[in-house]
């Protein structure tokens, strides 16, 4: 059984898949909207890549403890929480 990362949005992705995805990128305009219009007018942005990461994935091998709303849990505790949530989702939403 592959362990999954489950977020508030429900569902989950395999740990290996999550680590391969990298971070969560969002619209660059959320950053550049705060910049002066002059920067865009004079072409200062040409050749510049603007990134807007909200979250960065950290390989699980580098994590000693996970901090959750329920407190600190280790890898086994996180796996238990993921299994419990998956079981609850199956019980509540299977067949819908």
PDB file of N, CA and C in Angstrom:
ATOM      1  N   UNK A   1       0.845  -1.179   0.000  1.00  0.00           N
ATOM      2  CA  UNK A   1       0.000   0.000   0.000  1.00  0.00           C
ATOM      3  C   UNK A   1       0.891   1.243   0.000  1.00  0.00           C
ATOM      4  N   UNK A   2       0.719   2.096  -0.984  1.00  0.00           N
ATOM      5  CA  UNK A   2       1.503   3.330  -1.059  1.00  0.00           C
ATOM      6  C   UNK A   2       0.900   4.376  -0.140  1.00  0.00           C
ATOM      7  N   UNK A   3       1.729   5.017   0.666  1.00  0.00           N
ATOM      8  CA  UNK A   3       1.249   6.084   1.546  1.00  0.00           C
ATOM      9  C   UNK A   3       0.938   7.303   0.705  1.00  0.00           C
ATOM     10  N   UNK A   4      -0.070   8.056   1.132  1.00  0.00           N
ATOM     11  CA  UNK A   4      -0.474   9.237   0.382  1.00  0.00           C
ATOM     12  C   UNK A   4      -0.436  10.469   1.254  1.00  0.00           C
ATOM     13  N   UNK A   5      -0.224  11.597   0.617  1.00  0.00           N
ATOM     14  CA  UNK A   5      -0.343  12.886   1.278  1.00  0.00           C
ATOM     15  C   UNK A   5      -1.755  13.364   1.003  1.00  0.00           C
ATOM     16  N   UNK A   6      -2.472  13.708   2.045  1.00  0.00           N
ATOM     17  CA  UNK A   6      -3.850  14.139   1.893  1.00  0.00           C
ATOM     18  C   UNK A   6      -3.969  15.560   2.412  1.00  0.00           C
ATOM     19  N   UNK A   7      -4.531  16.436   1.606  1.00  0.00           N
ATOM     20  CA  UNK A   7      -4.710  17.825   2.019  1.00  0.00           C
ATOM     21  C   UNK A   7      -6.153  18.118   2.369  1.00  0.00           C
ATOM     22  N   UNK A   8      -6.416  19.362   2.756  1.00  0.00           N
ATOM     23  CA  UNK A   8      -7.768  19.757   3.123  1.00  0.00           C
ATOM     24  C   UNK A   8      -8.744  19.608   1.972  1.00  0.00           C
ATOM     25  N   UNK A   9      -8.247  19.634   0.745  1.00  0.00           N
ATOM     26  CA  UNK A   9      -9.117  19.515  -0.413  1.00  0.00           C
ATOM     27  C   UNK A   9      -9.568  18.087  -0.660  1.00  0.00           C
ATOM     28  N   UNK A  10      -9.109  17.148   0.146  1.00  0.00           N
ATOM     29  CA  UNK A  10      -9.475  15.754  -0.034  1.00  0.00           C
ATOM     30  C   UNK A  10      -8.569  15.094  -1.056  1.00  0.00           C
ATOM     31  N   UNK A  11      -8.800  13.832  -1.280  1.00  0.00           N
ATOM     32  CA  UNK A  11      -7.978  13.098  -2.221  1.00  0.00           C
ATOM     33  C   UNK A  11      -6.555  12.996  -1.717  1.00  0.00           C
ATOM     34  N   UNK A  12      -5.673  12.583  -2.571  1.00  0.00           N
ATOM     35  CA  UNK A  12      -4.290  12.479  -2.148  1.00  0.00           C
ATOM     36  C   UNK A  12      -3.415  12.099  -3.308  1.00  0.00           C
ATOM     37  N   UNK A  13      -2.141  12.273  -3.125  1.00  0.00           N
ATOM     38  CA  UNK A  13      -1.176  11.859  -4.126  1.00  0.00           C
ATOM     39  C   UNK A  13      -0.140  11.002  -3.436  1.00  0.00           C
ATOM     40  N   UNK A  14       0.445  10.093  -4.194  1.00  0.00           N
ATOM     41  CA  UNK A  14       1.500   9.268  -3.637  1.00  0.00           C
ATOM     42  C   UNK A  14       2.683  10.129  -3.235  1.00  0.00           C
ATOM     43  N   UNK A  15       3.372   9.720  -2.208  1.00  0.00           N
ATOM     44  CA  UNK A  15       4.500  10.488  -1.694  1.00  0.00           C
ATOM     45  C   UNK A  15       5.551  10.715  -2.776  1.00  0.00           C
ATOM     46  N   UNK A  16       5.880   9.680  -3.534  1.00  0.00           N
ATOM     47  CA  UNK A  16       6.882   9.829  -4.592  1.00  0.00           C
ATOM     48  C   UNK A  16       6.406  10.826  -5.638  1.00  0.00           C
ATOM     49  N   UNK A  17       5.117  10.770  -5.973  1.00  0.00           N
ATOM     50  CA  UNK A  17       4.555  11.700  -6.953  1.00  0.00           C
ATOM     51  C   UNK A  17       4.608  13.132  -6.434  1.00  0.00           C
ATOM     52  N   UNK A  18       4.275  13.317  -5.166  1.00  0.00           N
ATOM     53  CA  UNK A  18       4.286  14.655  -4.566  1.00  0.00           C
ATOM     54  C   UNK A  18       5.687  15.238  -4.582  1.00  0.00           C
ATOM     55  N   UNK A  19       6.674  14.422  -4.255  1.00  0.00           N
ATOM     56  CA  UNK A  19       8.046  14.909  -4.235  1.00  0.00           C
ATOM     57  C   UNK A  19       8.527  15.250  -5.640  1.00  0.00           C
ATOM     58  N   UNK A  20       8.042  14.525  -6.645  1.00  0.00           N
ATOM     59  CA  UNK A  20       8.445  14.783  -8.023  1.00  0.00           C
ATOM     60  C   UNK A  20       7.802  16.055  -8.570  1.00  0.00           C
ATOM     61  N   UNK A  21       6.666  16.465  -8.006  1.00  0.00           N
ATOM     62  CA  UNK A  21       5.953  17.634  -8.509  1.00  0.00           C
ATOM     63  C   UNK A  21       6.671  18.934  -8.200  1.00  0.00           C
ATOM     64  N   UNK A  22       7.490  18.965  -7.202  1.00  0.00           N
ATOM     65  CA  UNK A  22       8.138  20.211  -6.806  1.00  0.00           C
ATOM     66  C   UNK A  22       7.185  21.041  -5.970  1.00  0.00           C
ATOM     67  N   UNK A  23       7.267  22.346  -6.100  1.00  0.00           N
ATOM     68  CA  UNK A  23       6.432  23.231  -5.289  1.00  0.00           C
ATOM     69  C   UNK A  23       5.118  23.571  -5.951  1.00  0.00           C
ATOM     70  N   UNK A  24       4.364  24.404  -5.276  1.00  0.00           N
ATOM     71  CA  UNK A  24       3.091  24.881  -5.807  1.00  0.00           C
ATOM     72  C   UNK A  24       3.318  26.271  -6.381  1.00  0.00           C
ATOM     73  N   UNK A  25       3.282  26.384  -7.692  1.00  0.00           N
ATOM     74  CA  UNK A  25       3.494  27.672  -8.364  1.00  0.00           C
ATOM     75  C   UNK A  25       2.154  28.356  -8.601  1.00  0.00           C
ATOM     76  N   UNK A  26       2.155  29.666  -8.470  1.00  0.00           N
ATOM     77  CA  UNK A  26       0.960  30.466  -8.688  1.00  0.00           C
ATOM     78  C   UNK A  26       1.268  31.574  -9.683  1.00  0.00           C
ATOM     79  N   UNK A  27       0.250  32.359 -10.014  1.00  0.00           N
ATOM     80  CA  UNK A  27       0.382  33.390 -11.034  1.00  0.00           C
ATOM     81  C   UNK A  27       1.459  34.420 -10.689  1.00  0.00           C
ATOM     82  N   UNK A  28       2.341  34.670 -11.623  1.00  0.00           N
ATOM     83  CA  UNK A  28       3.389  35.678 -11.433  1.00  0.00           C
ATOM     84  C   UNK A  28       2.782  37.066 -11.262  1.00  0.00           C
ATOM     85  N   UNK A  29       1.597  37.284 -11.826  1.00  0.00           N
ATOM     86  CA  UNK A  29       0.955  38.601 -11.737  1.00  0.00           C
ATOM     87  C   UNK A  29       0.638  38.986 -10.293  1.00  0.00           C
ATOM     88  N   UNK A  30       0.513  37.995  -9.398  1.00  0.00           N
ATOM     89  CA  UNK A  30       0.298  38.318  -7.985  1.00  0.00           C
ATOM     90  C   UNK A  30       1.506  39.052  -7.403  1.00  0.00           C
ATOM     91  N   UNK A  31       2.665  38.806  -7.968  1.00  0.00           N
ATOM     92  CA  UNK A  31       3.886  39.471  -7.522  1.00  0.00           C
ATOM     93  C   UNK A  31       4.086  40.775  -8.292  1.00  0.00           C
ATOM     94  N   UNK A  32       3.990  40.693  -9.613  1.00  0.00           N
ATOM     95  CA  UNK A  32       4.305  41.857 -10.445  1.00  0.00           C
ATOM     96  C   UNK A  32       3.263  42.963 -10.347  1.00  0.00           C
ATOM     97  N   UNK A  33       2.064  42.663  -9.900  1.00  0.00           N
ATOM     98  CA  UNK A  33       1.023  43.689  -9.761  1.00  0.00           C
ATOM     99  C   UNK A  33       1.449  44.781  -8.780  1.00  0.00           C
ATOM    100  N   UNK A  34       2.310  44.456  -7.841  1.00  0.00           N
ATOM    101  CA  UNK A  34       2.762  45.426  -6.840  1.00  0.00           C
ATOM    102  C   UNK A  34       3.936  46.271  -7.338  1.00  0.00           C
ATOM    103  N   UNK A  35       4.485  45.926  -8.485  1.00  0.00           N
ATOM    104  CA  UNK A  35       5.636  46.652  -9.010  1.00  0.00           C
ATOM    105  C   UNK A  35       5.185  47.929  -9.708  1.00  0.00           C
ATOM    106  N   UNK A  36       6.039  48.938  -9.726  1.00  0.00           N
ATOM    107  CA  UNK A  36       5.684  50.179 -10.421  1.00  0.00           C
ATOM    108  C   UNK A  36       5.471  49.936 -11.914  1.00  0.00           C
ATOM    109  N   UNK A  37       4.537  50.657 -12.498  1.00  0.00           N
ATOM    110  CA  UNK A  37       4.251  50.510 -13.929  1.00  0.00           C
ATOM    111  C   UNK A  37       5.498  50.813 -14.760  1.00  0.00           C
ATOM    112  N   UNK A  38       6.352  51.686 -14.268  1.00  0.00           N
ATOM    113  CA  UNK A  38       7.565  52.067 -14.998  1.00  0.00           C
ATOM    114  C   UNK A  38       8.437  50.851 -15.319  1.00  0.00           C
ATOM    115  N   UNK A  39       8.470  49.883 -14.438  1.00  0.00           N
ATOM    116  CA  UNK A  39       9.291  48.684 -14.666  1.00  0.00           C
ATOM    117  C   UNK A  39       8.848  47.968 -15.934  1.00  0.00           C
ATOM    118  N   UNK A  40       7.553  47.957 -16.182  1.00  0.00           N
ATOM    119  CA  UNK A  40       7.037  47.294 -17.379  1.00  0.00           C
ATOM    120  C   UNK A  40       7.261  48.165 -18.613  1.00  0.00           C
ATOM    121  N   UNK A  41       7.148  49.476 -18.458  1.00  0.00           N
ATOM    122  CA  UNK A  41       7.270  50.402 -19.583  1.00  0.00           C
ATOM    123  C   UNK A  41       8.667  50.403 -20.186  1.00  0.00           C
ATOM    124  N   UNK A  42       9.682  50.350 -19.373  1.00  0.00           N
ATOM    125  CA  UNK A  42      11.054  50.447 -19.888  1.00  0.00           C
ATOM    126  C   UNK A  42      11.657  49.084 -20.200  1.00  0.00           C
ATOM    127  N   UNK A  43      10.853  48.051 -20.130  1.00  0.00           N
ATOM    128  CA  UNK A  43      11.325  46.726 -20.506  1.00  0.00           C
ATOM    129  C   UNK A  43      12.243  46.076 -19.499  1.00  0.00           C
ATOM    130  N   UNK A  44      12.189  46.520 -18.249  1.00  0.00           N
ATOM    131  CA  UNK A  44      13.058  45.935 -17.225  1.00  0.00           C
ATOM    132  C   UNK A  44      12.730  44.470 -16.957  1.00  0.00           C
ATOM    133  N   UNK A  45      11.566  44.022 -17.377  1.00  0.00           N
ATOM    134  CA  UNK A  45      11.165  42.641 -17.111  1.00  0.00           C
ATOM    135  C   UNK A  45      11.552  41.686 -18.237  1.00  0.00           C
ATOM    136  N   UNK A  46      12.073  42.215 -19.343  1.00  0.00           N
ATOM    137  CA  UNK A  46      12.457  41.344 -20.449  1.00  0.00           C
ATOM    138  C   UNK A  46      13.543  40.374 -19.994  1.00  0.00           C
ATOM    139  N   UNK A  47      13.333  39.109 -20.251  1.00  0.00           N
ATOM    140  CA  UNK A  47      14.308  38.096 -19.881  1.00  0.00           C
ATOM    141  C   UNK A  47      14.287  37.705 -18.416  1.00  0.00           C
ATOM    142  N   UNK A  48      13.318  38.234 -17.662  1.00  0.00           N
ATOM    143  CA  UNK A  48      13.208  37.921 -16.238  1.00  0.00           C
ATOM    144  C   UNK A  48      12.065  36.934 -16.035  1.00  0.00           C
ATOM    145  N   UNK A  49      12.334  35.859 -15.338  1.00  0.00           N
ATOM    146  CA  UNK A  49      11.291  34.909 -14.985  1.00  0.00           C
ATOM    147  C   UNK A  49      10.871  35.182 -13.549  1.00  0.00           C
ATOM    148  N   UNK A  50       9.596  35.493 -13.380  1.00  0.00           N
ATOM    149  CA  UNK A  50       9.074  35.781 -12.046  1.00  0.00           C
ATOM    150  C   UNK A  50       8.367  34.537 -11.536  1.00  0.00           C
ATOM    151  N   UNK A  51       8.769  34.073 -10.366  1.00  0.00           N
ATOM    152  CA  UNK A  51       8.142  32.898  -9.757  1.00  0.00           C
ATOM    153  C   UNK A  51       7.340  33.335  -8.547  1.00  0.00           C
ATOM    154  N   UNK A  52       6.291  32.574  -8.257  1.00  0.00           N
ATOM    155  CA  UNK A  52       5.427  32.878  -7.118  1.00  0.00           C
ATOM    156  C   UNK A  52       5.074  31.581  -6.390  1.00  0.00           C
ATOM    157  N   UNK A  53       6.063  30.946  -5.759  1.00  0.00           N
ATOM    158  CA  UNK A  53       5.763  29.693  -5.051  1.00  0.00           C
ATOM    159  C   UNK A  53       5.047  29.969  -3.731  1.00  0.00           C
ATOM    160  N   UNK A  54       3.993  29.220  -3.468  1.00  0.00           N
ATOM    161  CA  UNK A  54       3.307  29.306  -2.173  1.00  0.00           C
ATOM    162  C   UNK A  54       3.928  28.302  -1.209  1.00  0.00           C
ATOM    163  N   UNK A  55       4.166  27.089  -1.716  1.00  0.00           N
ATOM    164  CA  UNK A  55       4.704  26.017  -0.888  1.00  0.00           C
ATOM    165  C   UNK A  55       5.830  25.339  -1.641  1.00  0.00           C
ATOM    166  N   UNK A  56       6.763  24.830  -0.912  1.00  0.00           N
ATOM    167  CA  UNK A  56       7.882  24.112  -1.499  1.00  0.00           C
ATOM    168  C   UNK A  56       7.882  22.697  -0.929  1.00  0.00           C
ATOM    169  N   UNK A  57       7.945  21.701  -1.799  1.00  0.00           N
ATOM    170  CA  UNK A  57       8.013  20.319  -1.342  1.00  0.00           C
ATOM    171  C   UNK A  57       9.408  20.041  -0.816  1.00  0.00           C
ATOM    172  N   UNK A  58       9.468  19.403   0.299  1.00  0.00           N
ATOM    173  CA  UNK A  58      10.737  18.988   0.889  1.00  0.00           C
ATOM    174  C   UNK A  58      10.760  17.462   0.850  1.00  0.00           C
ATOM    175  N   UNK A  59      11.812  16.863   0.337  1.00  0.00           N
ATOM    176  CA  UNK A  59      11.868  15.402   0.303  1.00  0.00           C
ATOM    177  C   UNK A  59      11.663  14.814   1.703  1.00  0.00           C
ATOM    178  N   UNK A  60      10.853  13.780   1.795  1.00  0.00           N
ATOM    179  CA  UNK A  60      10.519  13.197   3.099  1.00  0.00           C
ATOM    180  C   UNK A  60      11.756  12.708   3.849  1.00  0.00           C
ATOM    181  N   UNK A  61      12.807  12.358   3.139  1.00  0.00           N
ATOM    182  CA  UNK A  61      14.025  11.884   3.812  1.00  0.00           C
ATOM    183  C   UNK A  61      14.680  12.988   4.635  1.00  0.00           C
ATOM    184  N   UNK A  62      14.305  14.246   4.390  1.00  0.00           N
ATOM    185  CA  UNK A  62      14.873  15.368   5.136  1.00  0.00           C
ATOM    186  C   UNK A  62      13.993  15.817   6.301  1.00  0.00           C
ATOM    187  N   UNK A  63      12.854  15.172   6.478  1.00  0.00           N
ATOM    188  CA  UNK A  63      11.895  15.601   7.505  1.00  0.00           C
ATOM    189  C   UNK A  63      11.995  14.692   8.724  1.00  0.00           C
ATOM    190  N   UNK A  64      12.182  15.298   9.888  1.00  0.00           N
ATOM    191  CA  UNK A  64      12.225  14.543  11.145  1.00  0.00           C
ATOM    192  C   UNK A  64      10.862  14.488  11.813  1.00  0.00           C
ATOM    193  N   UNK A  65      10.096  15.567  11.701  1.00  0.00           N
ATOM    194  CA  UNK A  65       8.794  15.632  12.355  1.00  0.00           C
ATOM    195  C   UNK A  65       7.881  16.534  11.523  1.00  0.00           C
ATOM    196  N   UNK A  66       6.599  16.218  11.509  1.00  0.00           N
ATOM    197  CA  UNK A  66       5.602  17.027  10.819  1.00  0.00           C
ATOM    198  C   UNK A  66       4.789  17.768  11.867  1.00  0.00           C
ATOM    199  N   UNK A  67       4.595  19.059  11.670  1.00  0.00           N
ATOM    200  CA  UNK A  67       3.807  19.860  12.595  1.00  0.00           C
ATOM    201  C   UNK A  67       2.410  19.993  12.003  1.00  0.00           C
ATOM    202  N   UNK A  68       1.413  19.521  12.743  1.00  0.00           N
ATOM    203  CA  UNK A  68       0.027  19.551  12.282  1.00  0.00           C
ATOM    204  C   UNK A  68      -0.825  20.295  13.292  1.00  0.00           C
ATOM    205  N   UNK A  69      -2.104  20.496  12.948  1.00  0.00           N
ATOM    206  CA  UNK A  69      -3.013  21.139  13.902  1.00  0.00           C
ATOM    207  C   UNK A  69      -3.199  20.285  15.152  1.00  0.00           C
ATOM    208  N   UNK A  70      -2.865  19.010  15.056  1.00  0.00           N
ATOM    209  CA  UNK A  70      -2.969  18.111  16.211  1.00  0.00           C
ATOM    210  C   UNK A  70      -1.648  18.019  16.977  1.00  0.00           C
ATOM    211  N   UNK A  71      -0.638  18.775  16.542  1.00  0.00           N
ATOM    212  CA  UNK A  71       0.662  18.729  17.197  1.00  0.00           C
ATOM    213  C   UNK A  71       1.708  18.077  16.306  1.00  0.00           C
ATOM    214  N   UNK A  72       2.840  17.761  16.893  1.00  0.00           N
ATOM    215  CA  UNK A  72       3.930  17.140  16.147  1.00  0.00           C
ATOM    216  C   UNK A  72       3.684  15.646  15.992  1.00  0.00           C
ATOM    217  N   UNK A  73       3.926  15.142  14.782  1.00  0.00           N
ATOM    218  CA  UNK A  73       3.841  13.703  14.539  1.00  0.00           C
ATOM    219  C   UNK A  73       5.048  13.292  13.707  1.00  0.00           C
ATOM    220  N   UNK A  74       5.502  12.083  13.935  1.00  0.00           N
ATOM    221  CA  UNK A  74       6.585  11.530  13.137  1.00  0.00           C
ATOM    222  C   UNK A  74       6.022  10.901  11.878  1.00  0.00           C
ATOM    223  N   UNK A  75       6.877  10.231  11.142  1.00  0.00           N
ATOM    224  CA  UNK A  75       6.471   9.611   9.885  1.00  0.00           C
ATOM    225  C   UNK A  75       5.354   8.603  10.111  1.00  0.00           C
ATOM    226  N   UNK A  76       5.500   7.746  11.118  1.00  0.00           N
ATOM    227  CA  UNK A  76       4.467   6.737  11.372  1.00  0.00           C
ATOM    228  C   UNK A  76       3.143   7.385  11.770  1.00  0.00           C
ATOM    229  N   UNK A  77       3.207   8.442  12.567  1.00  0.00           N
ATOM    230  CA  UNK A  77       1.991   9.156  12.948  1.00  0.00           C
ATOM    231  C   UNK A  77       1.310   9.781  11.747  1.00  0.00           C
ATOM    232  N   UNK A  78       2.095  10.323  10.829  1.00  0.00           N
ATOM    233  CA  UNK A  78       1.536  10.916   9.623  1.00  0.00           C
ATOM    234  C   UNK A  78       0.890   9.854   8.743  1.00  0.00           C
ATOM    235  N   UNK A  79       1.538   8.698   8.635  1.00  0.00           N
ATOM    236  CA  UNK A  79       0.959   7.599   7.862  1.00  0.00           C
ATOM    237  C   UNK A  79      -0.367   7.155   8.472  1.00  0.00           C
ATOM    238  N   UNK A  80      -0.421   7.103   9.805  1.00  0.00           N
ATOM    239  CA  UNK A  80      -1.657   6.714  10.489  1.00  0.00           C
ATOM    240  C   UNK A  80      -2.768   7.716  10.192  1.00  0.00           C
ATOM    241  N   UNK A  81      -2.458   9.007  10.287  1.00  0.00           N
ATOM    242  CA  UNK A  81      -3.453  10.046  10.007  1.00  0.00           C
ATOM    243  C   UNK A  81      -3.940   9.937   8.562  1.00  0.00           C
ATOM    244  N   UNK A  82      -3.030   9.703   7.623  1.00  0.00           N
ATOM    245  CA  UNK A  82      -3.408   9.572   6.213  1.00  0.00           C
ATOM    246  C   UNK A  82      -4.317   8.369   5.995  1.00  0.00           C
ATOM    247  N   UNK A  83      -3.985   7.232   6.644  1.00  0.00           N
ATOM    248  CA  UNK A  83      -4.838   6.037   6.518  1.00  0.00           C
ATOM    249  C   UNK A  83      -6.222   6.289   7.089  1.00  0.00           C
ATOM    250  N   UNK A  84      -6.279   6.930   8.273  1.00  0.00           N
ATOM    251  CA  UNK A  84      -7.570   7.214   8.900  1.00  0.00           C
ATOM    252  C   UNK A  84      -8.415   8.126   8.022  1.00  0.00           C
ATOM    253  N   UNK A  85      -7.790   9.138   7.449  1.00  0.00           N
ATOM    254  CA  UNK A  85      -8.537  10.059   6.593  1.00  0.00           C
ATOM    255  C   UNK A  85      -9.022   9.353   5.334  1.00  0.00           C
ATOM    256  N   UNK A  86      -8.179   8.527   4.744  1.00  0.00           N
ATOM    257  CA  UNK A  86      -8.574   7.793   3.549  1.00  0.00           C
ATOM    258  C   UNK A  86      -9.750   6.870   3.856  1.00  0.00           C
ATOM    259  N   UNK A  87      -9.698   6.169   4.987  1.00  0.00           N
ATOM    260  CA  UNK A  87     -10.801   5.289   5.379  1.00  0.00           C
ATOM    261  C   UNK A  87     -12.087   6.086   5.579  1.00  0.00           C
ATOM    262  N   UNK A  88     -11.984   7.246   6.217  1.00  0.00           N
ATOM    263  CA  UNK A  88     -13.153   8.087   6.440  1.00  0.00           C
ATOM    264  C   UNK A  88     -13.730   8.575   5.116  1.00  0.00           C
ATOM    265  N   UNK A  89     -12.876   9.011   4.200  1.00  0.00           N
ATOM    266  CA  UNK A  89     -13.348   9.461   2.887  1.00  0.00           C
ATOM    267  C   UNK A  89     -14.054   8.337   2.145  1.00  0.00           C
ATOM    268  N   UNK A  90     -13.479   7.134   2.188  1.00  0.00           N
ATOM    269  CA  UNK A  90     -14.107   5.997   1.513  1.00  0.00           C
ATOM    270  C   UNK A  90     -15.472   5.700   2.112  1.00  0.00           C
ATOM    271  N   UNK A  91     -15.549   5.722   3.437  1.00  0.00           N
ATOM    272  CA  UNK A  91     -16.811   5.435   4.111  1.00  0.00           C
ATOM    273  C   UNK A  91     -17.871   6.483   3.775  1.00  0.00           C
ATOM    274  N   UNK A  92     -17.467   7.736   3.724  1.00  0.00           N
ATOM    275  CA  UNK A  92     -18.430   8.810   3.509  1.00  0.00           C
ATOM    276  C   UNK A  92     -18.772   9.049   2.044  1.00  0.00           C
ATOM    277  N   UNK A  93     -17.810   8.863   1.148  1.00  0.00           N
ATOM    278  CA  UNK A  93     -18.015   9.316  -0.223  1.00  0.00           C
ATOM    279  C   UNK A  93     -18.016   8.228  -1.286  1.00  0.00           C
ATOM    280  N   UNK A  94     -17.706   6.992  -0.947  1.00  0.00           N
ATOM    281  CA  UNK A  94     -17.746   5.936  -1.958  1.00  0.00           C
ATOM    282  C   UNK A  94     -19.165   5.792  -2.486  1.00  0.00           C
ATOM    283  N   UNK A  95     -19.265   5.681  -3.785  1.00  0.00           N
ATOM    284  CA  UNK A  95     -20.570   5.502  -4.400  1.00  0.00           C
ATOM    285  C   UNK A  95     -21.284   6.799  -4.736  1.00  0.00           C
ATOM    286  N   UNK A  96     -20.646   7.911  -4.448  1.00  0.00           N
ATOM    287  CA  UNK A  96     -21.301   9.200  -4.761  1.00  0.00           C
ATOM    288  C   UNK A  96     -20.916   9.629  -6.151  1.00  0.00           C
TER     289      UNK A  96
END
